[in-house]
C-alpha atoms as a PDB file:
ATOM      1  CA  MET A   1      56.782  51.084   8.525  1.00  0.00           C
ATOM      2  CA  THR A   2      60.159  51.129   6.685  1.00  0.00           C
ATOM      3  CA  ALA A   3      60.747  54.752   7.676  1.00  0.00           C
ATOM      4  CA  TYR A   4      59.955  53.878  11.272  1.00  0.00           C
ATOM      5  CA  ILE A   5      62.504  51.054  11.386  1.00  0.00           C
ATOM      6  CA  GLN A   6      65.123  53.271   9.759  1.00  0.00           C
ATOM      7  CA  SER A   7      64.549  55.867  12.439  1.00  0.00           C
ATOM      8  CA  LEU A   8      65.195  53.226  15.079  1.00  0.00           C
ATOM      9  CA  LEU A   9      68.399  52.016  13.463  1.00  0.00           C
ATOM     10  CA  PHE A  10      69.934  55.256  12.341  1.00  0.00           C
ATOM     11  CA  GLU A  11      68.318  57.897  14.538  1.00  0.00           C
ATOM     12  CA  PRO A  12      68.047  56.256  18.008  1.00  0.00           C
ATOM     13  CA  TYR A  13      68.242  59.647  19.663  1.00  0.00           C
ATOM     14  CA  ASN A  14      64.669  60.274  18.551  1.00  0.00           C
ATOM     15  CA  MET A  15      63.224  57.847  21.101  1.00  0.00           C
ATOM     16  CA  SER A  16      63.736  56.788  24.681  1.00  0.00           C
ATOM     17  CA  SER A  17      65.852  53.695  25.278  1.00  0.00           C
ATOM     18  CA  ALA A  18      63.318  52.562  27.860  1.00  0.00           C
ATOM     19  CA  THR A  19      60.474  52.242  25.349  1.00  0.00           C
ATOM     20  CA  TYR A  20      61.887  51.244  21.946  1.00  0.00           C
ATOM     21  CA  ILE A  21      61.876  47.480  22.754  1.00  0.00           C
ATOM     22  CA  ASP A  22      58.149  47.608  23.532  1.00  0.00           C
ATOM     23  CA  ASP A  23      57.503  49.541  20.338  1.00  0.00           C
ATOM     24  CA  ILE A  24      58.999  46.880  18.092  1.00  0.00           C
ATOM     25  CA  ARG A  25      57.971  43.791  20.109  1.00  0.00           C
ATOM     26  CA  GLU A  26      55.263  42.804  17.576  1.00  0.00           C
ATOM     27  CA  LEU A  27      57.938  42.612  14.889  1.00  0.00           C
ATOM     28  CA  MET A  28      60.186  40.294  16.900  1.00  0.00           C
ATOM     29  CA  PHE A  29      60.202  36.453  16.625  1.00  0.00           C
ATOM     30  CA  THR A  30      59.654  35.840  20.338  1.00  0.00           C
ATOM     31  CA  MET A  31      58.935  32.492  22.093  1.00  0.00           C
ATOM     32  CA  ASP A  32      55.267  33.450  22.438  1.00  0.00           C
ATOM     33  CA  TYR A  33      55.037  34.118  18.710  1.00  0.00           C
ATOM     34  CA  LYS A  34      56.793  30.809  17.981  1.00  0.00           C
ATOM     35  CA  LYS A  35      54.255  28.871  20.078  1.00  0.00           C
ATOM     36  CA  LYS A  36      51.367  30.704  18.424  1.00  0.00           C
ATOM     37  CA  TYR A  37      52.715  29.861  14.966  1.00  0.00           C
ATOM     38  CA  ALA A  38      53.245  26.199  15.927  1.00  0.00           C
ATOM     39  CA  ASN A  39      49.638  25.910  17.133  1.00  0.00           C
ATOM     40  CA  ARG A  40      48.312  27.388  13.904  1.00  0.00           C
ATOM     41  CA  HIS A  41      50.420  24.929  11.903  1.00  0.00           C
ATOM     42  CA  ALA A  42      49.103  21.995  13.944  1.00  0.00           C
ATOM     43  CA  ILE A  43      45.503  23.091  13.486  1.00  0.00           C
ATOM     44  CA  SER A  44      45.950  23.333   9.731  1.00  0.00           C
ATOM     45  CA  LYS A  45      46.924  19.645   9.656  1.00  0.00           C
ATOM     46  CA  GLN A  46      43.806  18.438  11.495  1.00  0.00           C
ATOM     47  CA  PRO A  47      41.119  16.698   9.420  1.00  0.00           C
ATOM     48  CA  ASP A  48      38.114  18.764   8.488  1.00  0.00           C
ATOM     49  CA  MET A  49      35.480  18.129  11.142  1.00  0.00           C
ATOM     50  CA  PHE A  50      32.808  19.064   8.625  1.00  0.00           C
ATOM     51  CA  ALA A  51      33.981  16.579   6.000  1.00  0.00           C
ATOM     52  CA  GLU A  52      31.179  14.366   4.746  1.00  0.00           C
ATOM     53  CA  LYS A  53      30.961  11.182   6.762  1.00  0.00           C
ATOM     54  CA  LYS A  54      30.118   7.860   5.186  1.00  0.00           C
ATOM     55  CA  THR A  55      26.659   6.725   6.169  1.00  0.00           C
ATOM     56  CA  GLU A  56      24.318   3.975   5.089  1.00  0.00           C
ATOM     57  CA  GLU A  57      22.715   6.504   2.783  1.00  0.00           C
ATOM     58  CA  ASN A  58      26.068   7.297   1.158  1.00  0.00           C
ATOM     59  CA  ASN A  59      26.623   3.570   0.569  1.00  0.00           C
ATOM     60  CA  SER A  60      23.117   2.825  -0.683  1.00  0.00           C
ATOM     61  CA  PRO A  61      22.531   1.947  -4.311  1.00  0.00           C
ATOM     62  CA  LYS A  62      22.698   4.882  -6.684  1.00  0.00           C
ATOM     63  CA  TYR A  63      20.022   5.352  -9.315  1.00  0.00           C
ATOM     64  CA  VAL A  64      21.063   6.811 -12.633  1.00  0.00           C
ATOM     65  CA  ASP A  65      18.603   8.046 -15.222  1.00  0.00           C
ATOM     66  CA  THR A  66      19.621   6.965 -18.687  1.00  0.00           C
ATOM     67  CA  PRO A  67      21.168   9.999 -20.432  1.00  0.00           C
ATOM     68  CA  VAL A  68      19.730  11.081 -23.744  1.00  0.00           C
ATOM     69  CA  GLY A  69      22.075  11.481 -26.700  1.00  0.00           C
ATOM     70  CA  THR A  70      25.217  10.064 -25.091  1.00  0.00           C
ATOM     71  CA  GLU A  71      27.173   6.928 -25.759  1.00  0.00           C
ATOM     72  CA  SER A  72      29.162   6.603 -22.535  1.00  0.00           C
ATOM     73  CA  PRO A  73      27.682   5.432 -19.213  1.00  0.00           C
ATOM     74  CA  VAL A  74      27.735   7.588 -16.105  1.00  0.00           C
ATOM     75  CA  VAL A  75      29.592   5.539 -13.506  1.00  0.00           C
ATOM     76  CA  VAL A  76      28.346   6.361 -10.015  1.00  0.00           C
ATOM     77  CA  SER A  77      29.404   3.394  -7.912  1.00  0.00           C
ATOM     78  CA  GLN A  78      30.173  -0.266  -8.154  1.00  0.00           C
ATOM     79  CA  HIS A  79      26.515  -1.049  -7.564  1.00  0.00           C
ATOM     80  CA  SER A  80      24.814   1.678  -9.568  1.00  0.00           C
ATOM     81  CA  TYR A  81      21.342   1.072 -10.971  1.00  0.00           C
ATOM     82  CA  ARG A  82      20.121   1.984 -14.444  1.00  0.00           C
ATOM     83  CA  ARG A  83      16.652   3.265 -15.279  1.00  0.00           C
ATOM     84  CA  PRO A  84      15.737   2.669 -18.928  1.00  0.00           C
ATOM     85  CA  ARG A  85      13.979   5.669 -20.443  1.00  0.00           C
ATOM     86  CA  GLN A  86      11.581   3.522 -22.465  1.00  0.00           C
ATOM     87  CA  LYS A  87       8.108   2.802 -21.134  1.00  0.00           C
ATOM     88  CA  ASP A  88       8.653  -0.970 -20.991  1.00  0.00           C
ATOM     89  CA  THR A  89      11.334  -0.849 -18.314  1.00  0.00           C
ATOM     90  CA  LEU A  90      11.191  -4.594 -17.610  1.00  0.00           C
ATOM     91  CA  PHE A  91      12.186  -5.481 -21.170  1.00  0.00           C
ATOM     92  CA  TRP A  92      15.037  -2.990 -21.298  1.00  0.00           C
ATOM     93  CA  CYS A  93      16.290  -3.920 -17.840  1.00  0.00           C
ATOM     94  CA  MET A  94      16.629  -7.469 -19.159  1.00  0.00           C
ATOM     95  CA  TYR A  95      18.435  -6.152 -22.228  1.00  0.00           C
ATOM     96  CA  ILE A  96      20.923  -4.260 -20.049  1.00  0.00           C
ATOM     97  CA  ALA A  97      21.481  -7.329 -17.867  1.00  0.00           C
ATOM     98  CA  LYS A  98      22.267  -9.482 -20.896  1.00  0.00           C
ATOM     99  CA  TYR A  99      24.132  -7.153 -23.238  1.00  0.00           C
ATOM    100  CA  GLY A 100      25.395  -4.399 -20.945  1.00  0.00           C
ATOM    101  CA  TYR A 101      24.627  -0.731 -20.580  1.00  0.00           C
ATOM    102  CA  ASP A 102      27.084   0.398 -23.259  1.00  0.00           C
ATOM    103  CA  GLU A 103      25.375  -1.697 -25.920  1.00  0.00           C
ATOM    104  CA  TYR A 104      21.992  -0.423 -24.752  1.00  0.00           C
ATOM    105  CA  LEU A 105      23.192   3.149 -25.320  1.00  0.00           C
ATOM    106  CA  GLU A 106      24.278   2.306 -28.856  1.00  0.00           C
ATOM    107  CA  ILE A 107      20.619   1.906 -29.836  1.00  0.00           C
ATOM    108  CA  GLN A 108      19.947   5.523 -30.752  1.00  0.00           C
ATOM    109  CA  SER A 109      16.546   5.048 -32.408  1.00  0.00           C
ATOM    110  CA  ASN A 110      13.897   2.490 -33.413  1.00  0.00           C
ATOM    111  CA  TYR A 111      13.676   1.015 -29.936  1.00  0.00           C
ATOM    112  CA  GLY A 112      10.263  -0.446 -30.707  1.00  0.00           C
ATOM    113  CA  THR A 113      11.537  -2.282 -33.775  1.00  0.00           C
ATOM    114  CA  ARG A 114      14.523  -3.616 -31.865  1.00  0.00           C
ATOM    115  CA  GLN A 115      12.302  -4.800 -29.016  1.00  0.00           C
ATOM    116  CA  LEU A 116       9.883  -6.574 -31.360  1.00  0.00           C
ATOM    117  CA  ASP A 117      12.746  -8.331 -33.163  1.00  0.00           C
ATOM    118  CA  ILE A 118      14.113  -9.660 -29.876  1.00  0.00           C
ATOM    119  CA  GLN A 119      10.673 -10.666 -28.614  1.00  0.00           C
ATOM    120  CA  GLN A 120       9.959 -12.653 -31.765  1.00  0.00           C
ATOM    121  CA  LYS A 121      13.325 -14.393 -31.556  1.00  0.00           C
ATOM    122  CA  ILE A 122      12.628 -15.355 -27.936  1.00  0.00           C
ATOM    123  CA  GLY A 123       9.087 -16.419 -28.845  1.00  0.00           C
ATOM    124  CA  ALA A 124      10.366 -18.726 -31.586  1.00  0.00           C
ATOM    125  CA  HIS A 125      12.896 -20.239 -29.176  1.00  0.00           C
ATOM    126  CA  ILE A 126      10.292 -20.849 -26.467  1.00  0.00           C
ATOM    127  CA  LYS A 127       7.839 -22.326 -28.972  1.00  0.00           C
ATOM    128  CA  LYS A 128      10.451 -24.906 -30.030  1.00  0.00           C
ATOM    129  CA  ASN A 129      11.485 -25.611 -26.429  1.00  0.00           C
ATOM    130  CA  MET A 130       8.279 -25.442 -24.401  1.00  0.00           C
ATOM    131  CA  VAL A 131       9.731 -27.863 -21.863  1.00  0.00           C
ATOM    132  CA  LEU A 132      12.075 -25.123 -20.628  1.00  0.00           C
ATOM    133  CA  LEU A 133       9.190 -23.332 -18.944  1.00  0.00           C
ATOM    134  CA  LYS A 134       8.644 -26.396 -16.767  1.00  0.00           C
ATOM    135  CA  ASN A 135      11.996 -25.801 -15.077  1.00  0.00           C
ATOM    136  CA  VAL A 136      11.108 -22.382 -13.650  1.00  0.00           C
ATOM    137  CA  ASN A 137      10.132 -21.892 -10.006  1.00  0.00           C
ATOM    138  CA  THR A 138       6.421 -21.408 -10.660  1.00  0.00           C
ATOM    139  CA  ARG A 139       3.733 -23.392 -12.393  1.00  0.00           C
ATOM    140  CA  ILE A 140       2.951 -22.085 -15.870  1.00  0.00           C
ATOM    141  CA  THR A 141      -0.197 -23.588 -17.343  1.00  0.00           C
ATOM    142  CA  LYS A 142      -0.795 -24.279 -21.028  1.00  0.00           C
ATOM    143  CA  ALA A 143      -3.102 -21.278 -21.175  1.00  0.00           C
ATOM    144  CA  ALA A 144      -0.403 -19.068 -19.627  1.00  0.00           C
ATOM    145  CA  THR A 145       2.133 -20.438 -22.115  1.00  0.00           C
ATOM    146  CA  GLN A 146      -0.092 -19.425 -25.021  1.00  0.00           C
ATOM    147  CA  GLU A 147      -0.451 -15.948 -23.527  1.00  0.00           C
ATOM    148  CA  ILE A 148       3.345 -15.714 -23.261  1.00  0.00           C
ATOM    149  CA  LEU A 149       3.796 -16.658 -26.919  1.00  0.00           C
ATOM    150  CA  SER A 150       1.067 -14.263 -28.003  1.00  0.00           C
ATOM    151  CA  GLU A 151       2.696 -11.372 -26.138  1.00  0.00           C
ATOM    152  CA  LEU A 152       6.156 -12.182 -27.475  1.00  0.00           C
ATOM    153  CA  LEU A 153       5.052 -12.364 -31.091  1.00  0.00           C
ATOM    154  CA  THR A 154       3.095  -9.103 -31.074  1.00  0.00           C
ATOM    155  CA  ASP A 155       3.952  -5.457 -30.497  1.00  0.00           C
ATOM    156  CA  SER A 156       3.135  -5.351 -26.783  1.00  0.00           C
ATOM    157  CA  ARG A 157       3.276  -2.168 -24.736  1.00  0.00           C
ATOM    158  CA  SER A 158       4.610  -3.704 -21.530  1.00  0.00           C
ATOM    159  CA  THR A 159       6.175  -6.935 -20.326  1.00  0.00           C
ATOM    160  CA  SER A 160       4.006  -9.126 -18.116  1.00  0.00           C
ATOM    161  CA  MET A 161       5.356 -11.187 -15.222  1.00  0.00           C
ATOM    162  CA  HIS A 162       4.817 -14.470 -17.053  1.00  0.00           C
ATOM    163  CA  VAL A 163       6.800 -13.225 -20.051  1.00  0.00           C
ATOM    164  CA  LEU A 164       9.588 -12.252 -17.674  1.00  0.00           C
ATOM    165  CA  TYR A 165      10.045 -15.976 -17.008  1.00  0.00           C
ATOM    166  CA  ALA A 166      10.526 -16.533 -20.737  1.00  0.00           C
ATOM    167  CA  TYR A 167      13.180 -13.795 -20.836  1.00  0.00           C
ATOM    168  CA  ALA A 168      14.979 -15.336 -17.859  1.00  0.00           C
ATOM    169  CA  VAL A 169      14.940 -18.755 -19.535  1.00  0.00           C
ATOM    170  CA  TYR A 170      16.221 -17.396 -22.847  1.00  0.00           C
ATOM    171  CA  TYR A 171      18.967 -15.290 -21.247  1.00  0.00           C
ATOM    172  CA  ASN A 172      19.847 -18.043 -18.765  1.00  0.00           C
ATOM    173  CA  MET A 173      19.712 -15.909 -15.613  1.00  0.00           C
ATOM    174  CA  ASN A 174      17.795 -15.554 -12.361  1.00  0.00           C
ATOM    175  CA  LEU A 175      16.093 -12.404 -11.104  1.00  0.00           C
ATOM    176  CA  ILE A 176      15.206 -10.692  -7.841  1.00  0.00           C
ATOM    177  CA  LEU A 177      12.485  -8.038  -8.083  1.00  0.00           C
ATOM    178  CA  MET A 178      12.437  -5.848  -4.979  1.00  0.00           C
ATOM    179  CA  HIS A 179       9.220  -4.128  -3.912  1.00  0.00           C
ATOM    180  CA  PRO A 180       9.365  -0.325  -3.357  1.00  0.00           C
ATOM    181  CA  SER A 181       9.053  -0.920   0.402  1.00  0.00           C
ATOM    182  CA  ASN A 182      12.301  -2.957   0.325  1.00  0.00           C
ATOM    183  CA  GLU A 183      10.670  -5.413   2.713  1.00  0.00           C
ATOM    184  CA  TYR A 184       9.749  -8.199   0.292  1.00  0.00           C
ATOM    185  CA  TYR A 185      10.577  -9.422  -3.188  1.00  0.00           C
ATOM    186  CA  LEU A 186       9.783 -11.787  -6.033  1.00  0.00           C
ATOM    187  CA  GLU A 187      12.314 -14.343  -7.206  1.00  0.00           C
ATOM    188  CA  ILE A 188      12.382 -15.700 -10.745  1.00  0.00           C
ATOM    189  CA  GLN A 189      14.462 -18.820 -11.264  1.00  0.00           C
ATOM    190  CA  SER A 190      14.875 -19.843 -14.872  1.00  0.00           C
ATOM    191  CA  ASP A 191      16.042 -23.349 -13.914  1.00  0.00           C
ATOM    192  CA  THR A 192      15.555 -24.675 -10.389  1.00  0.00           C
ATOM    193  CA  MET A 193      18.064 -27.464 -11.041  1.00  0.00           C
ATOM    194  CA  GLU A 194      20.869 -25.081 -12.000  1.00  0.00           C
ATOM    195  CA  GLU A 195      22.721 -23.318  -9.170  1.00  0.00           C
ATOM    196  CA  ASP A 196      25.540 -21.552 -11.024  1.00  0.00           C
ATOM    197  CA  MET A 197      23.586 -18.683 -12.581  1.00  0.00           C
ATOM    198  CA  ASP A 198      23.917 -14.932 -12.406  1.00  0.00           C
ATOM    199  CA  ILE A 199      21.271 -13.291 -10.231  1.00  0.00           C
ATOM    200  CA  PHE A 200      20.306  -9.753 -11.204  1.00  0.00           C
ATOM    201  CA  LEU A 201      18.502  -7.382  -8.867  1.00  0.00           C
ATOM    202  CA  MET A 202      15.726  -5.128 -10.122  1.00  0.00           C
ATOM    203  CA  GLN A 203      14.157  -2.375  -8.052  1.00  0.00           C
ATOM    204  CA  LYS A 204      10.517  -1.518  -8.547  1.00  0.00           C
ATOM    205  CA  ASP A 205       9.247   1.998  -7.793  1.00  0.00           C
ATOM    206  CA  ASP A 206       5.814   3.338  -6.878  1.00  0.00           C
ATOM    207  CA  ARG A 207       5.000   3.989 -10.550  1.00  0.00           C
ATOM    208  CA  GLN A 208       5.480   0.318 -11.502  1.00  0.00           C
ATOM    209  CA  GLN A 209       8.757   1.179 -13.230  1.00  0.00           C
ATOM    210  CA  TYR A 210      11.974  -0.798 -12.812  1.00  0.00           C
ATOM    211  CA  SER A 211      15.686  -0.151 -12.500  1.00  0.00           C
ATOM    212  CA  ILE A 212      18.404  -2.791 -12.658  1.00  0.00           C
ATOM    213  CA  ARG A 213      21.683  -3.134 -10.844  1.00  0.00           C
ATOM    214  CA  GLU A 214      24.453  -3.488 -13.390  1.00  0.00           C
ATOM    215  CA  ALA A 215      26.473  -6.051 -11.452  1.00  0.00           C
ATOM    216  CA  PRO A 216      24.887  -9.402 -10.537  1.00  0.00           C
ATOM    217  CA  LEU A 217      24.526 -10.280  -6.868  1.00  0.00           C
ATOM    218  CA  SER A 218      27.385 -12.061  -5.179  1.00  0.00           C
ATOM    219  CA  VAL A 219      26.676 -15.232  -3.196  1.00  0.00           C
ATOM    220  CA  ASP A 220      27.001 -13.333   0.092  1.00  0.00           C
ATOM    221  CA  GLU A 221      24.717 -10.534  -1.085  1.00  0.00           C
ATOM    222  CA  TYR A 222      22.083 -13.038  -2.160  1.00  0.00           C
ATOM    223  CA  ARG A 223      22.208 -14.870   1.174  1.00  0.00           C
ATOM    224  CA  GLU A 224      21.931 -11.635   3.119  1.00  0.00           C
ATOM    225  CA  LEU A 225      18.907 -10.585   1.067  1.00  0.00           C
ATOM    226  CA  VAL A 226      17.175 -13.938   1.584  1.00  0.00           C
ATOM    227  CA  ASP A 227      17.852 -13.840   5.333  1.00  0.00           C
ATOM    228  CA  ASN A 228      16.483 -10.338   5.851  1.00  0.00           C
ATOM    229  CA  LYS A 229      13.673  -9.962   3.307  1.00  0.00           C
ATOM    230  CA  PHE A 230      10.532 -11.976   2.668  1.00  0.00           C
ATOM    231  CA  LYS A 231      10.065 -13.806  -0.607  1.00  0.00           C
ATOM    232  CA  LEU A 232       6.530 -13.680  -2.000  1.00  0.00           C
ATOM    233  CA  ASP A 233       5.033 -16.923  -3.170  1.00  0.00           C
ATOM    234  CA  SER A 234       4.050 -15.252  -6.457  1.00  0.00           C
ATOM    235  CA  HIS A 235       3.028 -11.870  -7.874  1.00  0.00           C
ATOM    236  CA  ILE A 236      -0.598 -13.031  -7.769  1.00  0.00           C
ATOM    237  CA  ARG A 237      -0.664 -14.756  -4.384  1.00  0.00           C
ATOM    238  CA  PRO A 238       1.869 -13.370  -1.887  1.00  0.00           C
ATOM    239  CA  LEU A 239       1.451 -16.157   0.670  1.00  0.00           C
ATOM    240  CA  LYS A 240       0.811 -19.863   0.423  1.00  0.00           C
ATOM    241  CA  ALA A 241      -2.338 -21.273   2.012  1.00  0.00           C
ATOM    242  CA  ILE A 242      -2.402 -20.718   5.765  1.00  0.00           C
ATOM    243  CA  GLY A 243      -2.064 -24.446   6.419  1.00  0.00           C
ATOM    244  CA  ASN A 244       1.505 -24.340   5.095  1.00  0.00           C
ATOM    245  CA  TYR A 245       2.658 -22.148   8.004  1.00  0.00           C
ATOM    246  CA  LYS A 246       3.175 -22.739  11.688  1.00  0.00           C
ATOM    247  CA  THR A 247       2.279 -19.925  14.066  1.00  0.00           C
ATOM    248  CA  GLU A 248       5.947 -19.025  14.590  1.00  0.00           C
ATOM    249  CA  ASP A 249       6.392 -18.900  10.800  1.00  0.00           C
ATOM    250  CA  ILE A 250       3.620 -16.339  10.498  1.00  0.00           C
ATOM    251  CA  TYR A 251       5.182 -14.197  13.233  1.00  0.00           C
ATOM    252  CA  ARG A 252       8.560 -14.392  11.498  1.00  0.00           C
ATOM    253  CA  VAL A 253       7.011 -13.195   8.232  1.00  0.00           C
ATOM    254  CA  ALA A 254       5.206 -10.370  10.028  1.00  0.00           C
ATOM    255  CA  GLU A 255       8.469  -9.217  11.568  1.00  0.00           C
ATOM    256  CA  LYS A 256      10.253  -9.171   8.199  1.00  0.00           C
ATOM    257  CA  VAL A 257       7.567  -7.063   6.541  1.00  0.00           C
ATOM    258  CA  GLY A 258       7.373  -4.560   9.385  1.00  0.00           C
ATOM    259  CA  ILE A 259       4.011  -5.405  10.961  1.00  0.00           C
ATOM    260  CA  ASP A 260       3.434  -4.291  14.557  1.00  0.00           C
ATOM    261  CA  LEU A 261       3.518  -7.368  16.777  1.00  0.00           C
ATOM    262  CA  THR A 262       2.512  -5.605  19.998  1.00  0.00           C
ATOM    263  CA  THR A 263      -1.152  -6.024  19.046  1.00  0.00           C
ATOM    264  CA  LYS A 264      -2.377  -9.463  20.031  1.00  0.00           C
ATOM    265  CA  ARG A 265      -3.768 -11.427  17.063  1.00  0.00           C
ATOM    266  CA  THR A 266      -4.637 -14.996  16.256  1.00  0.00           C
ATOM    267  CA  LYS A 267      -2.705 -16.864  13.592  1.00  0.00           C
ATOM    268  CA  THR A 268      -5.501 -16.323  11.072  1.00  0.00           C
ATOM    269  CA  GLU A 269      -5.819 -12.615  11.876  1.00  0.00           C
ATOM    270  CA  LEU A 270      -2.086 -12.056  11.480  1.00  0.00           C
ATOM    271  CA  TYR A 271      -2.076 -14.050   8.232  1.00  0.00           C
ATOM    272  CA  ASN A 272      -4.813 -11.801   6.840  1.00  0.00           C
ATOM    273  CA  VAL A 273      -2.998  -8.617   7.920  1.00  0.00           C
ATOM    274  CA  ILE A 274       0.166  -9.807   6.171  1.00  0.00           C
ATOM    275  CA  THR A 275      -1.738 -10.735   3.013  1.00  0.00           C
ATOM    276  CA  GLU A 276      -3.315  -7.280   2.818  1.00  0.00           C
ATOM    277  CA  LYS A 277       0.018  -5.523   3.225  1.00  0.00           C
ATOM    278  CA  ILE A 278       2.297  -7.411   0.851  1.00  0.00           C
ATOM    279  CA  GLN A 279       0.347  -7.283  -2.379  1.00  0.00           C
ATOM    280  CA  TRP A 280       2.727  -6.940  -5.327  1.00  0.00           C
ATOM    281  CA  TYR A 281       0.584  -4.470  -7.270  1.00  0.00           C
END
């Protein structure tokens, strides 16, 4: 190319004057070339049309498996959830809620011993303050109280729902346990007379395992959850007796838990359909 240009500049007699402009036109900065370059520059500044768009899925809670052999948490989002790697996920979810994920990671071994020590401490506290269990949002009988103490003072393999009330009382917090369907939930209130308490959200999966959201619910988040999801009466009995509901109440519950309302049913029939669907276990 250099030799060609030199021939044009220094040996013009080698070519016809009528054609040399056309021969070098592609090398000239013409108006057409300027417009073409400007368009390319403008296109390069446009946002990537294939860039990932934010969706409800992108903003949904992130679940993080607890890493093995690491001391620093993996931060995914403001509302990330933590799955304890121990079998008794309910106990360790409560531990994370109270002491934080970093402190949970510091326990490198002897999880069973640590759990039993905490259980026995809670059991001793509950035994001295049995009246505290009367302030929760469910009725706990004397027989159930003895079962709670027995479980706390022994090396149990899993945490029962009744013992979860004892944990909530001891740690002074409230809990929301969301069913895998995300349509209904259980609420554990450690003191129905106390309003200013942290509310932690746990997510149950299909294997009866739990994850916990690190940050407690805000007031607005709690209200939104209550407005859009159905609260079970208890883990044993999802609904109160049918006499406690008006017909419109039953239809409202059915709508929240995703039951088809196009099929015509009586109040009793719809109540039974709801009861069959929203079993906790």
